[in-house]
PDB file of all heavy atoms in Angstrom:
ATOM      1  N   TRP A   1    -123.087  -6.657-113.609  1.00  0.00           N
ATOM      2  CA  TRP A   1    -123.961  -7.163-112.740  1.00  0.00           C
ATOM      3  C   TRP A   1    -124.713  -8.393-113.263  1.00  0.00           C
ATOM      4  O   TRP A   1    -124.987  -9.345-112.571  1.00  0.00           O
ATOM      5  CB  TRP A   1    -124.938  -6.121-112.241  1.00  0.00           C
ATOM      6  CG  TRP A   1    -126.040  -6.659-111.286  1.00  0.00           C
ATOM      7  CD1 TRP A   1    -125.968  -6.819-110.002  1.00  0.00           C
ATOM      8  CD2 TRP A   1    -127.292  -7.132-111.612  1.00  0.00           C
ATOM      9  NE1 TRP A   1    -127.080  -7.317-109.435  1.00  0.00           N
ATOM     10  CE2 TRP A   1    -128.006  -7.552-110.447  1.00  0.00           C
ATOM     11  CE3 TRP A   1    -128.034  -7.205-112.896  1.00  0.00           C
ATOM     12  CZ2 TRP A   1    -129.298  -8.094-110.468  1.00  0.00           C
ATOM     13  CZ3 TRP A   1    -129.265  -7.760-112.898  1.00  0.00           C
ATOM     14  CH2 TRP A   1    -129.981  -8.219-111.642  1.00  0.00           C
ATOM     15  N   LYS A   2    -125.123  -8.240-114.589  1.00  0.00           N
ATOM     16  CA  LYS A   2    -125.893  -9.381-115.128  1.00  0.00           C
ATOM     17  C   LYS A   2    -125.042 -10.640-115.236  1.00  0.00           C
ATOM     18  O   LYS A   2    -125.558 -11.779-114.976  1.00  0.00           O
ATOM     19  CB  LYS A   2    -126.323  -8.945-116.587  1.00  0.00           C
ATOM     20  CG  LYS A   2    -127.466  -7.981-116.685  1.00  0.00           C
ATOM     21  CD  LYS A   2    -128.079  -7.941-118.084  1.00  0.00           C
ATOM     22  CE  LYS A   2    -127.072  -7.380-119.107  1.00  0.00           C
ATOM     23  NZ  LYS A   2    -127.625  -7.356-120.432  1.00  0.00           N
ATOM     24  N   ARG A   3    -123.770 -10.493-115.654  1.00  0.00           N
ATOM     25  CA  ARG A   3    -122.941 -11.644-115.659  1.00  0.00           C
ATOM     26  C   ARG A   3    -122.748 -12.218-114.293  1.00  0.00           C
ATOM     27  O   ARG A   3    -122.654 -13.548-114.128  1.00  0.00           O
ATOM     28  CB  ARG A   3    -121.592 -11.277-116.230  1.00  0.00           C
ATOM     29  CG  ARG A   3    -121.624 -11.050-117.831  1.00  0.00           C
ATOM     30  CD  ARG A   3    -120.172 -10.990-118.351  1.00  0.00           C
ATOM     31  NE  ARG A   3    -119.424  -9.872-117.877  1.00  0.00           N
ATOM     32  CZ  ARG A   3    -119.354  -8.666-118.334  1.00  0.00           C
ATOM     33  NH1 ARG A   3    -120.069  -8.385-119.446  1.00  0.00           N
ATOM     34  NH2 ARG A   3    -118.597  -7.787-117.825  1.00  0.00           N
ATOM     35  N   SER A   4    -122.461 -11.326-113.364  1.00  0.00           N
ATOM     36  CA  SER A   4    -122.220 -11.789-112.025  1.00  0.00           C
ATOM     37  C   SER A   4    -123.540 -12.508-111.366  1.00  0.00           C
ATOM     38  O   SER A   4    -123.365 -13.554-110.782  1.00  0.00           O
ATOM     39  CB  SER A   4    -121.811 -10.711-111.049  1.00  0.00           C
ATOM     40  OG  SER A   4    -121.780 -11.045-109.694  1.00  0.00           O
ATOM     41  N   ALA A   5    -124.645 -11.934-111.523  1.00  0.00           N
ATOM     42  CA  ALA A   5    -125.933 -12.542-111.152  1.00  0.00           C
ATOM     43  C   ALA A   5    -126.231 -13.765-111.767  1.00  0.00           C
ATOM     44  O   ALA A   5    -126.631 -14.745-110.951  1.00  0.00           O
ATOM     45  CB  ALA A   5    -127.081 -11.491-111.443  1.00  0.00           C
ATOM     46  N   ALA A   6    -125.917 -13.969-113.045  1.00  0.00           N
ATOM     47  CA  ALA A   6    -126.148 -15.229-113.693  1.00  0.00           C
ATOM     48  C   ALA A   6    -125.348 -16.317-113.107  1.00  0.00           C
ATOM     49  O   ALA A   6    -125.756 -17.520-112.832  1.00  0.00           O
ATOM     50  CB  ALA A   6    -125.912 -15.105-115.141  1.00  0.00           C
ATOM     51  N   LYS A   7    -124.040 -15.901-112.846  1.00  0.00           N
ATOM     52  CA  LYS A   7    -123.052 -16.890-112.369  1.00  0.00           C
ATOM     53  C   LYS A   7    -123.418 -17.243-110.845  1.00  0.00           C
ATOM     54  O   LYS A   7    -123.424 -18.522-110.577  1.00  0.00           O
ATOM     55  CB  LYS A   7    -121.681 -16.216-112.360  1.00  0.00           C
ATOM     56  CG  LYS A   7    -120.509 -17.158-111.788  1.00  0.00           C
ATOM     57  CD  LYS A   7    -119.186 -16.421-111.878  1.00  0.00           C
ATOM     58  CE  LYS A   7    -118.089 -17.271-111.311  1.00  0.00           C
ATOM     59  NZ  LYS A   7    -116.806 -16.609-111.349  1.00  0.00           N
ATOM     60  N   LYS A   8    -123.801 -16.262-109.999  1.00  0.00           N
ATOM     61  CA  LYS A   8    -124.185 -16.663-108.646  1.00  0.00           C
ATOM     62  C   LYS A   8    -125.473 -17.439-108.505  1.00  0.00           C
ATOM     63  O   LYS A   8    -125.503 -18.345-107.763  1.00  0.00           O
ATOM     64  CB  LYS A   8    -124.329 -15.294-107.814  1.00  0.00           C
ATOM     65  CG  LYS A   8    -123.070 -14.537-107.863  1.00  0.00           C
ATOM     66  CD  LYS A   8    -121.854 -15.292-107.354  1.00  0.00           C
ATOM     67  CE  LYS A   8    -120.606 -14.349-107.286  1.00  0.00           C
ATOM     68  NZ  LYS A   8    -119.413 -15.086-106.885  1.00  0.00           N
ATOM     69  N   LEU A   9    -126.410 -17.099-109.463  1.00  0.00           N
ATOM     70  CA  LEU A   9    -127.717 -17.828-109.405  1.00  0.00           C
ATOM     71  C   LEU A   9    -127.465 -19.381-109.858  1.00  0.00           C
ATOM     72  O   LEU A   9    -128.115 -20.245-109.262  1.00  0.00           O
ATOM     73  CB  LEU A   9    -128.681 -17.272-110.270  1.00  0.00           C
ATOM     74  CG  LEU A   9    -129.312 -15.892-109.778  1.00  0.00           C
ATOM     75  CD1 LEU A   9    -130.071 -15.222-110.923  1.00  0.00           C
ATOM     76  CD2 LEU A   9    -130.234 -16.127-108.570  1.00  0.00           C
ATOM     77  N   LEU A  10    -126.544 -19.516-110.749  1.00  0.00           N
ATOM     78  CA  LEU A  10    -126.145 -20.898-111.114  1.00  0.00           C
ATOM     79  C   LEU A  10    -125.468 -21.697-110.091  1.00  0.00           C
ATOM     80  O   LEU A  10    -125.873 -22.704-109.684  1.00  0.00           O
ATOM     81  CB  LEU A  10    -125.460 -20.808-112.493  1.00  0.00           C
ATOM     82  CG  LEU A  10    -124.968 -22.198-113.053  1.00  0.00           C
ATOM     83  CD1 LEU A  10    -126.042 -23.063-113.503  1.00  0.00           C
ATOM     84  CD2 LEU A  10    -123.956 -22.033-114.148  1.00  0.00           C
ATOM     85  N   ASN A  11    -124.347 -21.023-109.673  1.00  0.00           N
ATOM     86  CA  ASN A  11    -123.437 -21.752-108.687  1.00  0.00           C
ATOM     87  C   ASN A  11    -124.059 -21.901-107.365  1.00  0.00           C
ATOM     88  O   ASN A  11    -123.728 -22.943-106.632  1.00  0.00           O
ATOM     89  CB  ASN A  11    -122.122 -20.987-108.590  1.00  0.00           C
ATOM     90  CG  ASN A  11    -121.311 -21.166-109.892  1.00  0.00           C
ATOM     91  OD1 ASN A  11    -121.470 -22.163-110.589  1.00  0.00           O
ATOM     92  ND2 ASN A  11    -120.439 -20.170-110.136  1.00  0.00           N
ATOM     93  N   LEU A  12    -124.950 -21.042-106.906  1.00  0.00           N
ATOM     94  CA  LEU A  12    -125.506 -21.143-105.574  1.00  0.00           C
ATOM     95  C   LEU A  12    -126.945 -21.626-105.661  1.00  0.00           C
ATOM     96  O   LEU A  12    -127.408 -22.391-104.774  1.00  0.00           O
ATOM     97  CB  LEU A  12    -125.429 -19.774-104.883  1.00  0.00           C
ATOM     98  CG  LEU A  12    -124.021 -19.233-104.631  1.00  0.00           C
ATOM     99  CD1 LEU A  12    -124.051 -17.831-103.969  1.00  0.00           C
ATOM    100  CD2 LEU A  12    -123.275 -20.192-103.681  1.00  0.00           C
ATOM    101  N   GLY A  13    -127.680 -21.217-106.691  1.00  0.00           N
ATOM    102  CA  GLY A  13    -129.072 -21.530-106.713  1.00  0.00           C
ATOM    103  C   GLY A  13    -129.344 -22.990-106.998  1.00  0.00           C
ATOM    104  O   GLY A  13    -130.223 -23.649-106.359  1.00  0.00           O
ATOM    105  N   ILE A  14    -128.609 -23.666-107.835  1.00  0.00           N
ATOM    106  CA  ILE A  14    -128.674 -25.132-108.191  1.00  0.00           C
ATOM    107  C   ILE A  14    -128.522 -25.868-106.987  1.00  0.00           C
ATOM    108  O   ILE A  14    -129.391 -26.727-106.561  1.00  0.00           O
ATOM    109  CB  ILE A  14    -127.856 -25.524-109.301  1.00  0.00           C
ATOM    110  CG1 ILE A  14    -128.235 -24.784-110.653  1.00  0.00           C
ATOM    111  CG2 ILE A  14    -127.850 -26.937-109.438  1.00  0.00           C
ATOM    112  CD1 ILE A  14    -129.649 -25.062-111.107  1.00  0.00           C
ATOM    113  N   PRO A  15    -127.373 -25.800-106.276  1.00  0.00           N
ATOM    114  CA  PRO A  15    -127.204 -26.627-104.949  1.00  0.00           C
ATOM    115  C   PRO A  15    -128.273 -26.298-104.001  1.00  0.00           C
ATOM    116  O   PRO A  15    -128.732 -27.210-103.261  1.00  0.00           O
ATOM    117  CB  PRO A  15    -125.771 -26.202-104.485  1.00  0.00           C
ATOM    118  CG  PRO A  15    -125.117 -25.665-105.672  1.00  0.00           C
ATOM    119  CD  PRO A  15    -126.162 -25.027-106.541  1.00  0.00           C
ATOM    120  N   TYR A  16    -128.661 -24.966-103.894  1.00  0.00           N
ATOM    121  CA  TYR A  16    -129.690 -24.651-102.844  1.00  0.00           C
ATOM    122  C   TYR A  16    -130.987 -25.377-103.104  1.00  0.00           C
ATOM    123  O   TYR A  16    -131.521 -26.051-102.210  1.00  0.00           O
ATOM    124  CB  TYR A  16    -129.857 -23.067-102.945  1.00  0.00           C
ATOM    125  CG  TYR A  16    -131.078 -22.670-102.062  1.00  0.00           C
ATOM    126  CD1 TYR A  16    -130.844 -22.590-100.670  1.00  0.00           C
ATOM    127  CD2 TYR A  16    -132.279 -22.305-102.699  1.00  0.00           C
ATOM    128  CE1 TYR A  16    -131.926 -22.123 -99.901  1.00  0.00           C
ATOM    129  CE2 TYR A  16    -133.370 -21.848-101.891  1.00  0.00           C
ATOM    130  CZ  TYR A  16    -133.153 -21.871-100.448  1.00  0.00           C
ATOM    131  OH  TYR A  16    -134.254 -21.413 -99.695  1.00  0.00           O
ATOM    132  N   ILE A  17    -131.470 -25.290-104.329  1.00  0.00           N
ATOM    133  CA  ILE A  17    -132.747 -25.914-104.665  1.00  0.00           C
ATOM    134  C   ILE A  17    -132.737 -27.370-104.518  1.00  0.00           C
ATOM    135  O   ILE A  17    -133.555 -28.081-104.022  1.00  0.00           O
ATOM    136  CB  ILE A  17    -133.177 -25.509-106.082  1.00  0.00           C
ATOM    137  CG1 ILE A  17    -133.479 -23.961-106.141  1.00  0.00           C
ATOM    138  CG2 ILE A  17    -134.452 -26.254-106.463  1.00  0.00           C
ATOM    139  CD1 ILE A  17    -133.839 -23.476-107.553  1.00  0.00           C
ATOM    140  N   PHE A  18    -131.658 -28.042-105.002  1.00  0.00           N
ATOM    141  CA  PHE A  18    -131.451 -29.441-105.027  1.00  0.00           C
ATOM    142  C   PHE A  18    -131.397 -29.982-103.682  1.00  0.00           C
ATOM    143  O   PHE A  18    -132.133 -30.980-103.318  1.00  0.00           O
ATOM    144  CB  PHE A  18    -130.189 -29.834-105.843  1.00  0.00           C
ATOM    145  CG  PHE A  18    -129.982 -31.326-105.762  1.00  0.00           C
ATOM    146  CD1 PHE A  18    -130.738 -32.229-106.582  1.00  0.00           C
ATOM    147  CD2 PHE A  18    -128.966 -31.950-105.025  1.00  0.00           C
ATOM    148  CE1 PHE A  18    -130.515 -33.555-106.521  1.00  0.00           C
ATOM    149  CE2 PHE A  18    -128.734 -33.226-105.017  1.00  0.00           C
ATOM    150  CZ  PHE A  18    -129.592 -34.089-105.812  1.00  0.00           C
ATOM    151  N   PHE A  19    -130.557 -29.402-102.786  1.00  0.00           N
ATOM    152  CA  PHE A  19    -130.372 -30.003-101.443  1.00  0.00           C
ATOM    153  C   PHE A  19    -131.614 -29.730-100.470  1.00  0.00           C
ATOM    154  O   PHE A  19    -131.857 -30.471 -99.592  1.00  0.00           O
ATOM    155  CB  PHE A  19    -129.091 -29.532-100.827  1.00  0.00           C
ATOM    156  CG  PHE A  19    -127.904 -30.334-101.391  1.00  0.00           C
ATOM    157  CD1 PHE A  19    -127.161 -29.815-102.416  1.00  0.00           C
ATOM    158  CD2 PHE A  19    -127.626 -31.590-100.953  1.00  0.00           C
ATOM    159  CE1 PHE A  19    -126.061 -30.503-102.998  1.00  0.00           C
ATOM    160  CE2 PHE A  19    -126.563 -32.422-101.518  1.00  0.00           C
ATOM    161  CZ  PHE A  19    -125.792 -31.835-102.502  1.00  0.00           C
ATOM    162  N   ILE A  20    -132.292 -28.518-100.805  1.00  0.00           N
ATOM    163  CA  ILE A  20    -133.533 -28.372-100.059  1.00  0.00           C
ATOM    164  C   ILE A  20    -134.537 -29.300-100.402  1.00  0.00           C
ATOM    165  O   ILE A  20    -135.230 -29.951 -99.502  1.00  0.00           O
ATOM    166  CB  ILE A  20    -134.098 -26.878-100.416  1.00  0.00           C
ATOM    167  CG1 ILE A  20    -133.314 -25.813 -99.689  1.00  0.00           C
ATOM    168  CG2 ILE A  20    -135.566 -26.788 -99.986  1.00  0.00           C
ATOM    169  CD1 ILE A  20    -133.534 -25.666 -98.196  1.00  0.00           C
ATOM    170  N   LEU A  21    -134.664 -29.612-101.773  1.00  0.00           N
ATOM    171  CA  LEU A  21    -135.574 -30.712-102.170  1.00  0.00           C
ATOM    172  C   LEU A  21    -135.257 -32.119-101.589  1.00  0.00           C
ATOM    173  O   LEU A  21    -136.130 -32.840-101.029  1.00  0.00           O
ATOM    174  CB  LEU A  21    -135.630 -30.814-103.712  1.00  0.00           C
ATOM    175  CG  LEU A  21    -136.280 -29.601-104.489  1.00  0.00           C
ATOM    176  CD1 LEU A  21    -135.995 -29.801-105.936  1.00  0.00           C
ATOM    177  CD2 LEU A  21    -137.720 -29.605-104.141  1.00  0.00           C
ATOM    178  N   VAL A  22    -133.925 -32.465-101.593  1.00  0.00           N
ATOM    179  CA  VAL A  22    -133.545 -33.753-101.045  1.00  0.00           C
ATOM    180  C   VAL A  22    -133.862 -33.845 -99.563  1.00  0.00           C
ATOM    181  O   VAL A  22    -134.514 -34.742 -99.055  1.00  0.00           O
ATOM    182  CB  VAL A  22    -132.041 -33.953-101.250  1.00  0.00           C
ATOM    183  CG1 VAL A  22    -131.659 -35.138-100.523  1.00  0.00           C
ATOM    184  CG2 VAL A  22    -131.806 -34.128-102.769  1.00  0.00           C
ATOM    185  N   SER A  23    -133.571 -32.766 -98.800  1.00  0.00           N
ATOM    186  CA  SER A  23    -133.780 -32.753 -97.466  1.00  0.00           C
ATOM    187  C   SER A  23    -135.255 -32.800 -97.035  1.00  0.00           C
ATOM    188  O   SER A  23    -135.691 -33.444 -96.115  1.00  0.00           O
ATOM    189  CB  SER A  23    -133.119 -31.485 -96.784  1.00  0.00           C
ATOM    190  OG  SER A  23    -131.769 -31.523 -96.904  1.00  0.00           O
ATOM    191  N   TRP A  24    -136.040 -31.992 -97.788  1.00  0.00           N
ATOM    192  CA  TRP A  24    -137.511 -31.885 -97.644  1.00  0.00           C
ATOM    193  C   TRP A  24    -138.176 -33.321 -97.827  1.00  0.00           C
ATOM    194  O   TRP A  24    -138.983 -33.740 -97.074  1.00  0.00           O
ATOM    195  CB  TRP A  24    -138.147 -30.905 -98.540  1.00  0.00           C
ATOM    196  CG  TRP A  24    -139.598 -30.719 -98.401  1.00  0.00           C
ATOM    197  CD1 TRP A  24    -140.257 -29.977 -97.305  1.00  0.00           C
ATOM    198  CD2 TRP A  24    -140.606 -31.222 -99.117  1.00  0.00           C
ATOM    199  NE1 TRP A  24    -141.545 -29.995 -97.512  1.00  0.00           N
ATOM    200  CE2 TRP A  24    -141.922 -30.808 -98.523  1.00  0.00           C
ATOM    201  CE3 TRP A  24    -140.652 -32.129-100.183  1.00  0.00           C
ATOM    202  CZ2 TRP A  24    -143.032 -31.161 -99.040  1.00  0.00           C
ATOM    203  CZ3 TRP A  24    -141.910 -32.464-100.736  1.00  0.00           C
ATOM    204  CH2 TRP A  24    -143.090 -32.057-100.129  1.00  0.00           C
ATOM    205  N   VAL A  25    -137.775 -33.986 -99.017  1.00  0.00           N
ATOM    206  CA  VAL A  25    -138.291 -35.281 -99.273  1.00  0.00           C
ATOM    207  C   VAL A  25    -137.888 -36.234 -98.058  1.00  0.00           C
ATOM    208  O   VAL A  25    -138.810 -37.136 -97.695  1.00  0.00           O
ATOM    209  CB  VAL A  25    -137.740 -35.855-100.575  1.00  0.00           C
ATOM    210  CG1 VAL A  25    -138.006 -37.269-100.787  1.00  0.00           C
ATOM    211  CG2 VAL A  25    -138.351 -35.004-101.759  1.00  0.00           C
ATOM    212  N   LEU A  26    -136.669 -36.253 -97.647  1.00  0.00           N
ATOM    213  CA  LEU A  26    -136.271 -37.172 -96.604  1.00  0.00           C
ATOM    214  C   LEU A  26    -136.954 -36.920 -95.348  1.00  0.00           C
ATOM    215  O   LEU A  26    -137.317 -37.855 -94.661  1.00  0.00           O
ATOM    216  CB  LEU A  26    -134.649 -37.117 -96.451  1.00  0.00           C
ATOM    217  CG  LEU A  26    -133.818 -37.581 -97.602  1.00  0.00           C
ATOM    218  CD1 LEU A  26    -132.324 -37.401 -97.348  1.00  0.00           C
ATOM    219  CD2 LEU A  26    -134.113 -39.071 -97.774  1.00  0.00           C
ATOM    220  N   LYS A  27    -137.113 -35.643 -95.003  1.00  0.00           N
ATOM    221  CA  LYS A  27    -137.859 -35.317 -93.771  1.00  0.00           C
ATOM    222  C   LYS A  27    -139.232 -35.835 -93.836  1.00  0.00           C
ATOM    223  O   LYS A  27    -139.913 -36.222 -92.828  1.00  0.00           O
ATOM    224  CB  LYS A  27    -137.767 -33.781 -93.483  1.00  0.00           C
ATOM    225  CG  LYS A  27    -136.454 -33.316 -92.814  1.00  0.00           C
ATOM    226  CD  LYS A  27    -136.426 -31.841 -92.666  1.00  0.00           C
ATOM    227  CE  LYS A  27    -135.156 -31.373 -91.898  1.00  0.00           C
ATOM    228  NZ  LYS A  27    -135.158 -31.782 -90.507  1.00  0.00           N
ATOM    229  N   SER A  28    -139.875 -35.674 -95.047  1.00  0.00           N
ATOM    230  CA  SER A  28    -141.277 -36.051 -95.238  1.00  0.00           C
ATOM    231  C   SER A  28    -141.423 -37.538 -95.164  1.00  0.00           C
ATOM    232  O   SER A  28    -142.373 -38.075 -94.595  1.00  0.00           O
ATOM    233  CB  SER A  28    -141.801 -35.491 -96.617  1.00  0.00           C
ATOM    234  OG  SER A  28    -141.766 -34.123 -96.666  1.00  0.00           O
ATOM    235  N   LEU A  29    -140.533 -38.294 -95.741  1.00  0.00           N
ATOM    236  CA  LEU A  29    -140.645 -39.780 -95.753  1.00  0.00           C
ATOM    237  C   LEU A  29    -140.264 -40.361 -94.458  1.00  0.00           C
ATOM    238  O   LEU A  29    -140.882 -41.351 -94.066  1.00  0.00           O
ATOM    239  CB  LEU A  29    -139.583 -40.329 -96.820  1.00  0.00           C
ATOM    240  CG  LEU A  29    -139.976 -40.004 -98.293  1.00  0.00           C
ATOM    241  CD1 LEU A  29    -138.840 -40.593 -99.249  1.00  0.00           C
ATOM    242  CD2 LEU A  29    -141.349 -40.688 -98.642  1.00  0.00           C
ATOM    243  N   PHE A  30    -139.377 -39.788 -93.742  1.00  0.00           N
ATOM    244  CA  PHE A  30    -138.894 -40.344 -92.468  1.00  0.00           C
ATOM    245  C   PHE A  30    -139.133 -39.323 -91.283  1.00  0.00           C
ATOM    246  O   PHE A  30    -138.306 -39.063 -90.446  1.00  0.00           O
ATOM    247  CB  PHE A  30    -137.390 -40.628 -92.477  1.00  0.00           C
ATOM    248  CG  PHE A  30    -137.009 -41.612 -93.615  1.00  0.00           C
ATOM    249  CD1 PHE A  30    -136.458 -41.093 -94.782  1.00  0.00           C
ATOM    250  CD2 PHE A  30    -137.229 -42.908 -93.558  1.00  0.00           C
ATOM    251  CE1 PHE A  30    -136.146 -41.999 -95.861  1.00  0.00           C
ATOM    252  CE2 PHE A  30    -136.988 -43.867 -94.588  1.00  0.00           C
ATOM    253  CZ  PHE A  30    -136.355 -43.285 -95.761  1.00  0.00           C
ATOM    254  N   SER A  31    -140.342 -38.890 -91.311  1.00  0.00           N
ATOM    255  CA  SER A  31    -140.686 -37.894 -90.267  1.00  0.00           C
ATOM    256  C   SER A  31    -140.705 -38.335 -88.823  1.00  0.00           C
ATOM    257  O   SER A  31    -140.432 -37.603 -87.863  1.00  0.00           O
ATOM    258  CB  SER A  31    -142.231 -37.296 -90.600  1.00  0.00           C
ATOM    259  OG  SER A  31    -143.110 -38.472 -90.526  1.00  0.00           O
ATOM    260  N   SER A  32    -140.809 -39.692 -88.662  1.00  0.00           N
ATOM    261  CA  SER A  32    -140.771 -40.153 -87.279  1.00  0.00           C
ATOM    262  C   SER A  32    -139.384 -40.400 -86.754  1.00  0.00           C
ATOM    263  O   SER A  32    -139.124 -40.561 -85.624  1.00  0.00           O
ATOM    264  CB  SER A  32    -141.439 -41.604 -87.251  1.00  0.00           C
ATOM    265  OG  SER A  32    -140.745 -42.459 -88.165  1.00  0.00           O
ATOM    266  N   SER A  33    -138.367 -40.114 -87.695  1.00  0.00           N
ATOM    267  CA  SER A  33    -137.004 -40.327 -87.209  1.00  0.00           C
ATOM    268  C   SER A  33    -136.176 -39.123 -87.193  1.00  0.00           C
ATOM    269  O   SER A  33    -134.916 -39.129 -86.907  1.00  0.00           O
ATOM    270  CB  SER A  33    -136.245 -41.337 -88.209  1.00  0.00           C
ATOM    271  OG  SER A  33    -136.976 -42.563 -88.244  1.00  0.00           O
ATOM    272  N   VAL A  34    -136.820 -37.934 -87.490  1.00  0.00           N
ATOM    273  CA  VAL A  34    -136.121 -36.654 -87.568  1.00  0.00           C
ATOM    274  C   VAL A  34    -136.504 -35.732 -86.400  1.00  0.00           C
ATOM    275  O   VAL A  34    -137.593 -35.855 -85.874  1.00  0.00           O
ATOM    276  CB  VAL A  34    -136.243 -35.914 -88.865  1.00  0.00           C
ATOM    277  CG1 VAL A  34    -135.664 -36.801 -90.005  1.00  0.00           C
ATOM    278  CG2 VAL A  34    -137.753 -35.673 -89.163  1.00  0.00           C
ATOM    279  N   ASN A  35    -135.571 -34.871 -85.934  1.00  0.00           N
ATOM    280  CA  ASN A  35    -135.890 -33.966 -84.877  1.00  0.00           C
ATOM    281  C   ASN A  35    -136.761 -32.877 -85.238  1.00  0.00           C
ATOM    282  O   ASN A  35    -137.647 -32.449 -84.470  1.00  0.00           O
ATOM    283  CB  ASN A  35    -134.597 -33.317 -84.265  1.00  0.00           C
ATOM    284  CG  ASN A  35    -133.661 -34.360 -83.685  1.00  0.00           C
ATOM    285  OD1 ASN A  35    -134.162 -35.362 -83.182  1.00  0.00           O
ATOM    286  ND2 ASN A  35    -132.378 -34.231 -83.761  1.00  0.00           N
ATOM    287  N   SER A  36    -136.717 -32.217 -86.483  1.00  0.00           N
ATOM    288  CA  SER A  36    -137.535 -31.235 -86.921  1.00  0.00           C
ATOM    289  C   SER A  36    -138.357 -31.695 -88.146  1.00  0.00           C
ATOM    290  O   SER A  36    -137.806 -32.280 -89.101  1.00  0.00           O
ATOM    291  CB  SER A  36    -136.765 -30.027 -87.277  1.00  0.00           C
ATOM    292  OG  SER A  36    -135.779 -30.328 -88.348  1.00  0.00           O
ATOM    293  N   GLN A  37    -139.671 -31.378 -88.101  1.00  0.00           N
ATOM    294  CA  GLN A  37    -140.530 -31.858 -89.180  1.00  0.00           C
ATOM    295  C   GLN A  37    -140.532 -30.979 -90.313  1.00  0.00           C
ATOM    296  O   GLN A  37    -140.211 -29.797 -90.193  1.00  0.00           O
ATOM    297  CB  GLN A  37    -142.011 -32.038 -88.628  1.00  0.00           C
ATOM    298  CG  GLN A  37    -142.086 -33.015 -87.487  1.00  0.00           C
ATOM    299  CD  GLN A  37    -141.672 -34.388 -87.843  1.00  0.00           C
ATOM    300  OE1 GLN A  37    -142.099 -34.943 -88.808  1.00  0.00           O
ATOM    301  NE2 GLN A  37    -140.782 -34.998 -87.053  1.00  0.00           N
ATOM    302  N   ALA A  38    -140.773 -31.518 -91.558  1.00  0.00           N
ATOM    303  CA  ALA A  38    -140.774 -30.734 -92.734  1.00  0.00           C
ATOM    304  C   ALA A  38    -142.087 -30.038 -92.899  1.00  0.00           C
ATOM    305  O   ALA A  38    -143.135 -30.592 -92.712  1.00  0.00           O
ATOM    306  CB  ALA A  38    -140.598 -31.693 -94.032  1.00  0.00           C
ATOM    307  N   GLY A  39    -142.104 -28.675 -93.241  1.00  0.00           N
ATOM    308  CA  GLY A  39    -143.240 -27.996 -93.403  1.00  0.00           C
ATOM    309  C   GLY A  39    -143.563 -28.067 -94.877  1.00  0.00           C
ATOM    310  O   GLY A  39    -143.266 -29.083 -95.593  1.00  0.00           O
ATOM    311  N   SER A  40    -144.214 -27.043 -95.510  1.00  0.00           N
ATOM    312  CA  SER A  40    -144.492 -26.992 -96.943  1.00  0.00           C
ATOM    313  C   SER A  40    -143.286 -26.766 -97.678  1.00  0.00           C
ATOM    314  O   SER A  40    -142.232 -26.288 -97.137  1.00  0.00           O
ATOM    315  CB  SER A  40    -145.530 -25.963 -97.246  1.00  0.00           C
ATOM    316  OG  SER A  40    -144.946 -24.620 -97.096  1.00  0.00           O
ATOM    317  N   LEU A  41    -143.199 -27.164 -98.966  1.00  0.00           N
ATOM    318  CA  LEU A  41    -141.955 -27.041 -99.810  1.00  0.00           C
ATOM    319  C   LEU A  41    -141.734 -25.541-100.050  1.00  0.00           C
ATOM    320  O   LEU A  41    -140.632 -25.128-100.048  1.00  0.00           O
ATOM    321  CB  LEU A  41    -142.172 -27.781-101.076  1.00  0.00           C
ATOM    322  CG  LEU A  41    -140.988 -27.739-102.019  1.00  0.00           C
ATOM    323  CD1 LEU A  41    -139.738 -28.290-101.414  1.00  0.00           C
ATOM    324  CD2 LEU A  41    -141.225 -28.538-103.276  1.00  0.00           C
ATOM    325  N   THR A  42    -142.845 -24.736-100.184  1.00  0.00           N
ATOM    326  CA  THR A  42    -142.732 -23.275-100.439  1.00  0.00           C
ATOM    327  C   THR A  42    -142.036 -22.693 -99.269  1.00  0.00           C
ATOM    328  O   THR A  42    -141.103 -21.868 -99.335  1.00  0.00           O
ATOM    329  CB  THR A  42    -144.048 -22.665-100.668  1.00  0.00           C
ATOM    330  OG1 THR A  42    -144.665 -23.252-101.836  1.00  0.00           O
ATOM    331  CG2 THR A  42    -143.908 -21.172-100.938  1.00  0.00           C
ATOM    332  N   GLU A  43    -142.442 -23.126 -98.063  1.00  0.00           N
ATOM    333  CA  GLU A  43    -141.847 -22.498 -96.803  1.00  0.00           C
ATOM    334  C   GLU A  43    -140.386 -22.873 -96.767  1.00  0.00           C
ATOM    335  O   GLU A  43    -139.498 -22.101 -96.367  1.00  0.00           O
ATOM    336  CB  GLU A  43    -142.545 -23.105 -95.539  1.00  0.00           C
ATOM    337  CG  GLU A  43    -142.103 -22.644 -94.173  1.00  0.00           C
ATOM    338  CD  GLU A  43    -142.822 -23.143 -93.095  1.00  0.00           C
ATOM    339  OE1 GLU A  43    -142.816 -24.457 -92.936  1.00  0.00           O
ATOM    340  OE2 GLU A  43    -143.377 -22.356 -92.365  1.00  0.00           O
ATOM    341  N   ALA A  44    -140.046 -24.259 -97.083  1.00  0.00           N
ATOM    342  CA  ALA A  44    -138.690 -24.725 -97.007  1.00  0.00           C
ATOM    343  C   ALA A  44    -137.787 -24.020 -97.959  1.00  0.00           C
ATOM    344  O   ALA A  44    -136.585 -23.788 -97.757  1.00  0.00           O
ATOM    345  CB  ALA A  44    -138.636 -26.176 -97.292  1.00  0.00           C
ATOM    346  N   LEU A  45    -138.373 -23.565 -99.151  1.00  0.00           N
ATOM    347  CA  LEU A  45    -137.511 -22.905-100.134  1.00  0.00           C
ATOM    348  C   LEU A  45    -137.369 -21.380 -99.951  1.00  0.00           C
ATOM    349  O   LEU A  45    -136.308 -20.839-100.207  1.00  0.00           O
ATOM    350  CB  LEU A  45    -138.071 -23.209-101.572  1.00  0.00           C
ATOM    351  CG  LEU A  45    -137.846 -24.578-102.259  1.00  0.00           C
ATOM    352  CD1 LEU A  45    -138.718 -24.661-103.410  1.00  0.00           C
ATOM    353  CD2 LEU A  45    -136.328 -24.629-102.543  1.00  0.00           C
TER     354      LEU A  45
END
């Protein structure tokens, strides 16, 4: 389980955090051009 958990957290967690951050930043910067507004980063994550 430890090996599997480490692998899944790496392979899924890194893309998850990175693309959430990218999307959140873009939604915050271009809020007038998106359909749904960005909430807090904690909420988004």
